[in-house]
Amino acid sequence: MDRIPFPADLISAQQQWHDTYRALAAPRPRRTTELRRRLLALSARIHGRPF
């Protein structure tokens, strides 16, 4: 079976999404508004990516 390589920008956005989610899920996170906005922006970028 052939492997389809994922685009580097999509992998990077997904890694950033996971890092942001972990920061938001930490006990008593700081900058929650900023983290939530970043999570939403990354979610839109990942979902809107035509791959």
N, C-alpha and C. Protein backbone atom coordinates (compact mmCIF):
# COMPACT_ATOMS: atom_id res chain seq x y z
N MET A 1 0.84 -1.17 0.00
CA MET A 1 0.00 0.00 0.00
C MET A 1 0.89 1.24 0.00
N ASP A 2 0.57 2.19 -0.84
CA ASP A 2 1.33 3.43 -0.93
C ASP A 2 0.97 4.36 0.23
N ARG A 3 1.97 5.05 0.70
CA ARG A 3 1.76 6.04 1.76
C ARG A 3 1.61 7.41 1.14
N ILE A 4 0.68 8.17 1.65
CA ILE A 4 0.48 9.54 1.19
C ILE A 4 1.12 10.46 2.22
N PRO A 5 2.13 11.23 1.82
CA PRO A 5 2.77 12.11 2.79
C PRO A 5 1.86 13.29 3.16
N PHE A 6 1.82 13.59 4.43
CA PHE A 6 1.04 14.73 4.87
C PHE A 6 1.84 16.01 4.64
N PRO A 7 1.17 17.09 4.30
CA PRO A 7 1.88 18.36 4.11
C PRO A 7 2.49 18.85 5.44
N ALA A 8 3.65 19.44 5.35
CA ALA A 8 4.37 19.89 6.54
C ALA A 8 3.58 20.93 7.33
N ASP A 9 2.87 21.83 6.62
CA ASP A 9 2.11 22.85 7.34
C ASP A 9 0.94 22.25 8.12
N LEU A 10 0.37 21.18 7.61
CA LEU A 10 -0.72 20.50 8.31
C LEU A 10 -0.21 19.78 9.55
N ILE A 11 0.93 19.15 9.44
CA ILE A 11 1.54 18.47 10.59
C ILE A 11 1.91 19.49 11.66
N SER A 12 2.49 20.61 11.25
CA SER A 12 2.87 21.65 12.19
C SER A 12 1.64 22.22 12.90
N ALA A 13 0.58 22.49 12.16
CA ALA A 13 -0.65 23.02 12.76
C ALA A 13 -1.24 22.03 13.76
N GLN A 14 -1.20 20.75 13.43
CA GLN A 14 -1.73 19.73 14.33
C GLN A 14 -0.89 19.64 15.61
N GLN A 15 0.43 19.73 15.49
CA GLN A 15 1.29 19.71 16.66
C GLN A 15 1.04 20.94 17.54
N GLN A 16 0.87 22.09 16.91
CA GLN A 16 0.58 23.32 17.66
C GLN A 16 -0.78 23.21 18.35
N TRP A 17 -1.74 22.59 17.69
CA TRP A 17 -3.07 22.39 18.27
C TRP A 17 -2.95 21.54 19.54
N HIS A 18 -2.21 20.44 19.47
CA HIS A 18 -2.04 19.56 20.63
C HIS A 18 -1.31 20.28 21.77
N ASP A 19 -0.29 21.05 21.44
CA ASP A 19 0.44 21.80 22.47
C ASP A 19 -0.48 22.82 23.15
N THR A 20 -1.27 23.50 22.36
CA THR A 20 -2.20 24.50 22.91
C THR A 20 -3.27 23.84 23.76
N TYR A 21 -3.77 22.71 23.31
CA TYR A 21 -4.80 21.99 24.07
C TYR A 21 -4.23 21.53 25.41
N ARG A 22 -3.01 21.01 25.40
CA ARG A 22 -2.37 20.57 26.65
C ARG A 22 -2.18 21.75 27.61
N ALA A 23 -1.77 22.89 27.08
CA ALA A 23 -1.59 24.08 27.92
C ALA A 23 -2.92 24.52 28.53
N LEU A 24 -3.98 24.42 27.76
CA LEU A 24 -5.31 24.80 28.24
C LEU A 24 -5.85 23.79 29.24
N ALA A 25 -5.48 22.54 29.11
CA ALA A 25 -5.98 21.48 29.99
C ALA A 25 -5.19 21.39 31.30
N ALA A 26 -4.10 22.10 31.39
CA ALA A 26 -3.28 22.08 32.61
C ALA A 26 -4.09 22.65 33.79
N PRO A 27 -3.77 22.22 34.99
CA PRO A 27 -4.46 22.79 36.15
C PRO A 27 -4.18 24.30 36.27
N ARG A 28 -5.22 25.05 36.41
CA ARG A 28 -5.17 26.51 36.53
C ARG A 28 -4.28 27.15 35.46
N PRO A 29 -4.66 27.01 34.19
CA PRO A 29 -3.85 27.59 33.11
C PRO A 29 -3.90 29.11 33.13
N ARG A 30 -2.86 29.71 32.64
CA ARG A 30 -2.80 31.16 32.50
C ARG A 30 -3.12 31.50 31.05
N ARG A 31 -3.57 32.71 30.83
CA ARG A 31 -3.86 33.21 29.48
C ARG A 31 -4.92 32.35 28.79
N THR A 32 -5.98 31.97 29.50
CA THR A 32 -6.98 31.07 28.93
C THR A 32 -7.65 31.65 27.69
N THR A 33 -7.93 32.95 27.70
CA THR A 33 -8.57 33.56 26.54
C THR A 33 -7.68 33.45 25.31
N GLU A 34 -6.41 33.75 25.49
CA GLU A 34 -5.45 33.66 24.39
C GLU A 34 -5.34 32.22 23.88
N LEU A 35 -5.28 31.27 24.80
CA LEU A 35 -5.17 29.86 24.40
C LEU A 35 -6.42 29.38 23.67
N ARG A 36 -7.59 29.79 24.14
CA ARG A 36 -8.83 29.39 23.47
C ARG A 36 -8.91 29.97 22.06
N ARG A 37 -8.52 31.23 21.92
CA ARG A 37 -8.52 31.84 20.59
C ARG A 37 -7.54 31.14 19.65
N ARG A 38 -6.39 30.80 20.19
CA ARG A 38 -5.39 30.09 19.38
C ARG A 38 -5.91 28.71 18.98
N LEU A 39 -6.56 28.02 19.92
CA LEU A 39 -7.11 26.70 19.62
C LEU A 39 -8.17 26.79 18.53
N LEU A 40 -9.03 27.80 18.60
CA LEU A 40 -10.05 27.98 17.57
C LEU A 40 -9.43 28.30 16.21
N ALA A 41 -8.42 29.16 16.20
CA ALA A 41 -7.76 29.51 14.94
C ALA A 41 -7.08 28.30 14.32
N LEU A 42 -6.40 27.52 15.14
CA LEU A 42 -5.73 26.32 14.63
C LEU A 42 -6.75 25.29 14.16
N SER A 43 -7.86 25.16 14.87
CA SER A 43 -8.91 24.23 14.46
C SER A 43 -9.46 24.61 13.09
N ALA A 44 -9.67 25.90 12.89
CA ALA A 44 -10.18 26.38 11.59
C ALA A 44 -9.16 26.12 10.49
N ARG A 45 -7.88 26.34 10.79
CA ARG A 45 -6.83 26.12 9.79
C ARG A 45 -6.75 24.64 9.41
N ILE A 46 -6.83 23.76 10.41
CA ILE A 46 -6.75 22.33 10.16
C ILE A 46 -7.97 21.83 9.41
N HIS A 47 -9.14 22.26 9.86
CA HIS A 47 -10.38 21.82 9.23
C HIS A 47 -10.52 22.35 7.81
N GLY A 48 -10.07 23.57 7.59
CA GLY A 48 -10.20 24.19 6.27
C GLY A 48 -9.13 23.79 5.28
N ARG A 49 -8.16 23.03 5.72
CA ARG A 49 -7.06 22.60 4.84
C ARG A 49 -7.58 21.56 3.85
N PRO A 50 -7.45 21.81 2.56
CA PRO A 50 -7.99 20.87 1.55
C PRO A 50 -7.10 19.65 1.30
N PHE A 51 -6.86 18.88 2.33
CA PHE A 51 -6.06 17.67 2.15
C PHE A 51 -6.88 16.48 2.56
